[in-house]
Amino acid sequence: ADVTDATATISYCGSGVTACHNLLVMEHLG
């Protein structure tokens, strides 16, 4: 999806719950 740098992303989902998982995964991946 061309996502390589989390600092240049905004994460969302239906209501702000599962979007947090993507944020944590990106941080986990460095």
PDB file of all heavy atoms in Angstrom:
ATOM      1  N   ALA A   1       0.827  -1.213   0.000  1.00  0.00           N
ATOM      2  CA  ALA A   1       0.000   0.000   0.000  1.00  0.00           C
ATOM      3  C   ALA A   1       0.860   1.262   0.000  1.00  0.00           C
ATOM      4  O   ALA A   1       0.353   2.364   0.246  1.00  0.00           O
ATOM      5  CB  ALA A   1      -0.918  -0.005   1.215  1.00  0.00           C
ATOM      6  N   ASP A   2       2.164   1.085  -0.273  1.00  0.00           N
ATOM      7  CA  ASP A   2       3.123   2.195  -0.316  1.00  0.00           C
ATOM      8  C   ASP A   2       3.340   2.833   1.050  1.00  0.00           C
ATOM      9  O   ASP A   2       3.765   3.994   1.144  1.00  0.00           O
ATOM     10  CB  ASP A   2       2.692   3.274  -1.322  1.00  0.00           C
ATOM     11  CG  ASP A   2       2.729   2.778  -2.756  1.00  0.00           C
ATOM     12  OD1 ASP A   2       3.627   1.972  -3.079  1.00  0.00           O
ATOM     13  OD2 ASP A   2       1.864   3.185  -3.546  1.00  0.00           O
ATOM     14  N   VAL A   3       3.043   2.100   2.120  1.00  0.00           N
ATOM     15  CA  VAL A   3       3.275   2.601   3.475  1.00  0.00           C
ATOM     16  C   VAL A   3       4.659   2.138   3.918  1.00  0.00           C
ATOM     17  O   VAL A   3       4.881   0.949   4.153  1.00  0.00           O
ATOM     18  CB  VAL A   3       2.207   2.088   4.455  1.00  0.00           C
ATOM     19  CG1 VAL A   3       2.485   2.606   5.861  1.00  0.00           C
ATOM     20  CG2 VAL A   3       0.822   2.500   3.991  1.00  0.00           C
ATOM     21  N   THR A   4       5.586   3.067   4.027  1.00  0.00           N
ATOM     22  CA  THR A   4       6.952   2.741   4.431  1.00  0.00           C
ATOM     23  C   THR A   4       7.404   3.528   5.649  1.00  0.00           C
ATOM     24  O   THR A   4       8.404   3.169   6.275  1.00  0.00           O
ATOM     25  CB  THR A   4       7.942   3.014   3.278  1.00  0.00           C
ATOM     26  OG1 THR A   4       7.868   4.406   2.914  1.00  0.00           O
ATOM     27  CG2 THR A   4       7.610   2.153   2.065  1.00  0.00           C
ATOM     28  N   ASP A   5       6.687   4.587   5.984  1.00  0.00           N
ATOM     29  CA  ASP A   5       7.099   5.467   7.077  1.00  0.00           C
ATOM     30  C   ASP A   5       5.865   5.841   7.885  1.00  0.00           C
ATOM     31  O   ASP A   5       5.014   6.600   7.429  1.00  0.00           O
ATOM     32  CB  ASP A   5       7.771   6.721   6.503  1.00  0.00           C
ATOM     33  CG  ASP A   5       8.194   7.720   7.569  1.00  0.00           C
ATOM     34  OD1 ASP A   5       8.066   7.408   8.769  1.00  0.00           O
ATOM     35  OD2 ASP A   5       8.654   8.812   7.200  1.00  0.00           O
ATOM     36  N   ALA A   6       5.764   5.289   9.100  1.00  0.00           N
ATOM     37  CA  ALA A   6       4.578   5.545   9.913  1.00  0.00           C
ATOM     38  C   ALA A   6       4.435   7.014  10.279  1.00  0.00           C
ATOM     39  O   ALA A   6       3.314   7.500  10.470  1.00  0.00           O
ATOM     40  CB  ALA A   6       4.627   4.704  11.189  1.00  0.00           C
ATOM     41  N   THR A   7       5.535   7.736  10.370  1.00  0.00           N
ATOM     42  CA  THR A   7       5.454   9.146  10.747  1.00  0.00           C
ATOM     43  C   THR A   7       4.747   9.976   9.691  1.00  0.00           C
ATOM     44  O   THR A   7       4.363  11.118   9.958  1.00  0.00           O
ATOM     45  CB  THR A   7       6.848   9.728  11.024  1.00  0.00           C
ATOM     46  OG1 THR A   7       7.615   9.742   9.808  1.00  0.00           O
ATOM     47  CG2 THR A   7       7.588   8.905  12.068  1.00  0.00           C
ATOM     48  N   ALA A   8       4.561   9.402   8.503  1.00  0.00           N
ATOM     49  CA  ALA A   8       3.844  10.088   7.431  1.00  0.00           C
ATOM     50  C   ALA A   8       2.487   9.439   7.190  1.00  0.00           C
ATOM     51  O   ALA A   8       1.978   9.435   6.064  1.00  0.00           O
ATOM     52  CB  ALA A   8       4.671  10.075   6.145  1.00  0.00           C
ATOM     53  N   THR A   9       1.903   8.857   8.256  1.00  0.00           N
ATOM     54  CA  THR A   9       0.602   8.209   8.115  1.00  0.00           C
ATOM     55  C   THR A   9      -0.371   8.674   9.190  1.00  0.00           C
ATOM     56  O   THR A   9       0.019   9.071  10.287  1.00  0.00           O
ATOM     57  CB  THR A   9       0.707   6.671   8.219  1.00  0.00           C
ATOM     58  OG1 THR A   9       1.072   6.307   9.555  1.00  0.00           O
ATOM     59  CG2 THR A   9       1.716   6.114   7.238  1.00  0.00           C
ATOM     60  N   ILE A  10      -1.641   8.601   8.837  1.00  0.00           N
ATOM     61  CA  ILE A  10      -2.747   8.684   9.797  1.00  0.00           C
ATOM     62  C   ILE A  10      -3.511   7.379   9.688  1.00  0.00           C
ATOM     63  O   ILE A  10      -3.857   6.940   8.593  1.00  0.00           O
ATOM     64  CB  ILE A  10      -3.679   9.872   9.490  1.00  0.00           C
ATOM     65  CG1 ILE A  10      -2.970  11.203   9.752  1.00  0.00           C
ATOM     66  CG2 ILE A  10      -4.963   9.783  10.320  1.00  0.00           C
ATOM     67  CD1 ILE A  10      -3.781  12.415   9.323  1.00  0.00           C
ATOM     68  N   SER A  11      -3.754   6.732  10.824  1.00  0.00           N
ATOM     69  CA  SER A  11      -4.441   5.445  10.849  1.00  0.00           C
ATOM     70  C   SER A  11      -5.878   5.627  11.312  1.00  0.00           C
ATOM     71  O   SER A  11      -6.147   6.337  12.282  1.00  0.00           O
ATOM     72  CB  SER A  11      -3.694   4.487  11.790  1.00  0.00           C
ATOM     73  OG  SER A  11      -4.309   3.213  11.817  1.00  0.00           O
ATOM     74  N   TYR A  12      -6.803   4.963  10.623  1.00  0.00           N
ATOM     75  CA  TYR A  12      -8.195   5.004  11.053  1.00  0.00           C
ATOM     76  C   TYR A  12      -8.846   3.659  10.775  1.00  0.00           C
ATOM     77  O   TYR A  12      -8.297   2.798  10.074  1.00  0.00           O
ATOM     78  CB  TYR A  12      -8.963   6.139  10.377  1.00  0.00           C
ATOM     79  CG  TYR A  12      -9.492   5.843   8.983  1.00  0.00           C
ATOM     80  CD1 TYR A  12     -10.810   5.438   8.778  1.00  0.00           C
ATOM     81  CD2 TYR A  12      -8.672   5.980   7.856  1.00  0.00           C
ATOM     82  CE1 TYR A  12     -11.299   5.177   7.502  1.00  0.00           C
ATOM     83  CE2 TYR A  12      -9.153   5.719   6.582  1.00  0.00           C
ATOM     84  CZ  TYR A  12     -10.461   5.315   6.399  1.00  0.00           C
ATOM     85  OH  TYR A  12     -10.946   5.049   5.141  1.00  0.00           O
ATOM     86  N   CYS A  13     -10.027   3.472  11.335  1.00  0.00           N
ATOM     87  CA  CYS A  13     -10.823   2.271  11.087  1.00  0.00           C
ATOM     88  C   CYS A  13     -12.286   2.684  11.201  1.00  0.00           C
ATOM     89  O   CYS A  13     -12.628   3.807  10.844  1.00  0.00           O
ATOM     90  CB  CYS A  13     -10.451   1.155  12.065  1.00  0.00           C
ATOM     91  SG  CYS A  13     -10.631   1.621  13.804  1.00  0.00           S
ATOM     92  N   GLY A  14     -13.140   1.822  11.713  1.00  0.00           N
ATOM     93  CA  GLY A  14     -14.535   2.207  11.869  1.00  0.00           C
ATOM     94  C   GLY A  14     -14.739   3.221  12.974  1.00  0.00           C
ATOM     95  O   GLY A  14     -15.482   4.186  12.814  1.00  0.00           O
ATOM     96  N   SER A  15     -14.063   2.995  14.113  1.00  0.00           N
ATOM     97  CA  SER A  15     -14.287   3.889  15.254  1.00  0.00           C
ATOM     98  C   SER A  15     -13.050   4.070  16.126  1.00  0.00           C
ATOM     99  O   SER A  15     -13.171   4.386  17.308  1.00  0.00           O
ATOM    100  CB  SER A  15     -15.440   3.350  16.109  1.00  0.00           C
ATOM    101  OG  SER A  15     -15.112   2.079  16.646  1.00  0.00           O
ATOM    102  N   GLY A  16     -11.864   3.871  15.560  1.00  0.00           N
ATOM    103  CA  GLY A  16     -10.648   4.187  16.299  1.00  0.00           C
ATOM    104  C   GLY A  16     -10.136   3.098  17.216  1.00  0.00           C
ATOM    105  O   GLY A  16      -9.301   3.363  18.075  1.00  0.00           O
ATOM    106  N   VAL A  17     -10.603   1.863  17.056  1.00  0.00           N
ATOM    107  CA  VAL A  17     -10.132   0.757  17.892  1.00  0.00           C
ATOM    108  C   VAL A  17      -9.067  -0.048  17.152  1.00  0.00           C
ATOM    109  O   VAL A  17      -7.894  -0.053  17.520  1.00  0.00           O
ATOM    110  CB  VAL A  17     -11.311  -0.143  18.346  1.00  0.00           C
ATOM    111  CG1 VAL A  17     -10.790  -1.351  19.127  1.00  0.00           C
ATOM    112  CG2 VAL A  17     -12.276   0.656  19.219  1.00  0.00           C
ATOM    113  N   THR A  18      -9.459  -0.730  16.072  1.00  0.00           N
ATOM    114  CA  THR A  18      -8.492  -1.585  15.380  1.00  0.00           C
ATOM    115  C   THR A  18      -7.416  -0.779  14.660  1.00  0.00           C
ATOM    116  O   THR A  18      -6.343  -1.318  14.352  1.00  0.00           O
ATOM    117  CB  THR A  18      -9.193  -2.528  14.386  1.00  0.00           C
ATOM    118  OG1 THR A  18      -9.833  -1.766  13.355  1.00  0.00           O
ATOM    119  CG2 THR A  18     -10.221  -3.390  15.094  1.00  0.00           C
ATOM    120  N   ALA A  19      -7.672   0.497  14.400  1.00  0.00           N
ATOM    121  CA  ALA A  19      -6.632   1.348  13.806  1.00  0.00           C
ATOM    122  C   ALA A  19      -5.392   1.395  14.687  1.00  0.00           C
ATOM    123  O   ALA A  19      -4.276   1.582  14.196  1.00  0.00           O
ATOM    124  CB  ALA A  19      -7.166   2.759  13.584  1.00  0.00           C
ATOM    125  N   CYS A  20      -5.588   1.228  15.994  1.00  0.00           N
ATOM    126  CA  CYS A  20      -4.450   1.240  16.918  1.00  0.00           C
ATOM    127  C   CYS A  20      -3.525   0.058  16.669  1.00  0.00           C
ATOM    128  O   CYS A  20      -2.312   0.142  16.904  1.00  0.00           O
ATOM    129  CB  CYS A  20      -4.945   1.212  18.355  1.00  0.00           C
ATOM    130  SG  CYS A  20      -5.878   2.677  18.846  1.00  0.00           S
ATOM    131  N   HIS A  21      -4.092  -1.047  16.197  1.00  0.00           N
ATOM    132  CA  HIS A  21      -3.259  -2.227  15.947  1.00  0.00           C
ATOM    133  C   HIS A  21      -2.260  -1.946  14.834  1.00  0.00           C
ATOM    134  O   HIS A  21      -1.074  -2.282  14.949  1.00  0.00           O
ATOM    135  CB  HIS A  21      -4.136  -3.427  15.589  1.00  0.00           C
ATOM    136  CG  HIS A  21      -3.412  -4.737  15.604  1.00  0.00           C
ATOM    137  ND1 HIS A  21      -2.852  -5.293  14.480  1.00  0.00           N
ATOM    138  CD2 HIS A  21      -3.136  -5.595  16.621  1.00  0.00           C
ATOM    139  CE1 HIS A  21      -2.282  -6.445  14.790  1.00  0.00           C
ATOM    140  NE2 HIS A  21      -2.438  -6.645  16.088  1.00  0.00           N
ATOM    141  N   ASN A  22      -2.727  -1.332  13.745  1.00  0.00           N
ATOM    142  CA  ASN A  22      -1.793  -0.988  12.675  1.00  0.00           C
ATOM    143  C   ASN A  22      -0.697  -0.043  13.167  1.00  0.00           C
ATOM    144  O   ASN A  22       0.462  -0.152  12.777  1.00  0.00           O
ATOM    145  CB  ASN A  22      -2.536  -0.357  11.496  1.00  0.00           C
ATOM    146  CG  ASN A  22      -2.949  -1.377  10.447  1.00  0.00           C
ATOM    147  OD1 ASN A  22      -2.586  -2.549  10.510  1.00  0.00           O
ATOM    148  ND2 ASN A  22      -3.709  -0.929   9.459  1.00  0.00           N
ATOM    149  N   LEU A  23      -1.063   0.902  14.023  1.00  0.00           N
ATOM    150  CA  LEU A  23      -0.057   1.825  14.557  1.00  0.00           C
ATOM    151  C   LEU A  23       0.989   1.086  15.373  1.00  0.00           C
ATOM    152  O   LEU A  23       2.197   1.350  15.252  1.00  0.00           O
ATOM    153  CB  LEU A  23      -0.735   2.896  15.410  1.00  0.00           C
ATOM    154  CG  LEU A  23      -1.560   3.931  14.652  1.00  0.00           C
ATOM    155  CD1 LEU A  23      -2.384   4.772  15.615  1.00  0.00           C
ATOM    156  CD2 LEU A  23      -0.665   4.830  13.801  1.00  0.00           C
ATOM    157  N   LEU A  24       0.551   0.139  16.199  1.00  0.00           N
ATOM    158  CA  LEU A  24       1.499  -0.628  17.010  1.00  0.00           C
ATOM    159  C   LEU A  24       2.362  -1.539  16.150  1.00  0.00           C
ATOM    160  O   LEU A  24       3.562  -1.703  16.411  1.00  0.00           O
ATOM    161  CB  LEU A  24       0.748  -1.447  18.061  1.00  0.00           C
ATOM    162  CG  LEU A  24      -0.002  -0.657  19.120  1.00  0.00           C
ATOM    163  CD1 LEU A  24      -0.744  -1.612  20.057  1.00  0.00           C
ATOM    164  CD2 LEU A  24       0.917   0.248  19.912  1.00  0.00           C
ATOM    165  N   VAL A  25       1.768  -2.136  15.126  1.00  0.00           N
ATOM    166  CA  VAL A  25       2.540  -3.005  14.239  1.00  0.00           C
ATOM    167  C   VAL A  25       3.617  -2.202  13.515  1.00  0.00           C
ATOM    168  O   VAL A  25       4.776  -2.630  13.418  1.00  0.00           O
ATOM    169  CB  VAL A  25       1.617  -3.719  13.232  1.00  0.00           C
ATOM    170  CG1 VAL A  25       2.444  -4.423  12.152  1.00  0.00           C
ATOM    171  CG2 VAL A  25       0.734  -4.735  13.946  1.00  0.00           C
ATOM    172  N   MET A  26       3.267  -1.030  13.001  1.00  0.00           N
ATOM    173  CA  MET A  26       4.264  -0.212  12.313  1.00  0.00           C
ATOM    174  C   MET A  26       5.394   0.183  13.258  1.00  0.00           C
ATOM    175  O   MET A  26       6.573   0.145  12.880  1.00  0.00           O
ATOM    176  CB  MET A  26       3.599   1.024  11.703  1.00  0.00           C
ATOM    177  CG  MET A  26       2.744   0.718  10.493  1.00  0.00           C
ATOM    178  SD  MET A  26       2.168   2.207   9.605  1.00  0.00           S
ATOM    179  CE  MET A  26       0.897   2.797  10.736  1.00  0.00           C
ATOM    180  N   GLU A  27       5.054   0.534  14.474  1.00  0.00           N
ATOM    181  CA  GLU A  27       6.098   0.870  15.444  1.00  0.00           C
ATOM    182  C   GLU A  27       6.970  -0.346  15.732  1.00  0.00           C
ATOM    183  O   GLU A  27       8.194  -0.248  15.820  1.00  0.00           O
ATOM    184  CB  GLU A  27       5.462   1.392  16.728  1.00  0.00           C
ATOM    185  CG  GLU A  27       6.489   1.853  17.754  1.00  0.00           C
ATOM    186  CD  GLU A  27       5.870   2.332  19.048  1.00  0.00           C
ATOM    187  OE1 GLU A  27       4.623   2.423  19.137  1.00  0.00           O
ATOM    188  OE2 GLU A  27       6.641   2.613  19.986  1.00  0.00           O
ATOM    189  N   HIS A  28       6.353  -1.508  15.876  1.00  0.00           N
ATOM    190  CA  HIS A  28       7.064  -2.760  16.141  1.00  0.00           C
ATOM    191  C   HIS A  28       8.051  -3.081  15.018  1.00  0.00           C
ATOM    192  O   HIS A  28       9.141  -3.617  15.260  1.00  0.00           O
ATOM    193  CB  HIS A  28       6.046  -3.886  16.290  1.00  0.00           C
ATOM    194  CG  HIS A  28       6.626  -5.211  16.630  1.00  0.00           C
ATOM    195  ND1 HIS A  28       7.213  -5.489  17.839  1.00  0.00           N
ATOM    196  CD2 HIS A  28       6.685  -6.371  15.911  1.00  0.00           C
ATOM    197  CE1 HIS A  28       7.628  -6.745  17.868  1.00  0.00           C
ATOM    198  NE2 HIS A  28       7.313  -7.302  16.702  1.00  0.00           N
ATOM    199  N   LEU A  29       7.674  -2.739  13.789  1.00  0.00           N
ATOM    200  CA  LEU A  29       8.532  -3.004  12.632  1.00  0.00           C
ATOM    201  C   LEU A  29       9.622  -1.961  12.452  1.00  0.00           C
ATOM    202  O   LEU A  29      10.418  -2.060  11.515  1.00  0.00           O
ATOM    203  CB  LEU A  29       7.679  -3.060  11.364  1.00  0.00           C
ATOM    204  CG  LEU A  29       6.690  -4.223  11.248  1.00  0.00           C
ATOM    205  CD1 LEU A  29       5.808  -4.045  10.030  1.00  0.00           C
ATOM    206  CD2 LEU A  29       7.422  -5.556  11.202  1.00  0.00           C
ATOM    207  N   GLY A  30       9.671  -0.973  13.330  1.00  0.00           N
ATOM    208  CA  GLY A  30      10.693   0.068  13.221  1.00  0.00           C
ATOM    209  C   GLY A  30      10.359   1.146  12.218  1.00  0.00           C
ATOM    210  O   GLY A  30      11.246   1.882  11.771  1.00  0.00           O
TER     211      GLY A  30
END
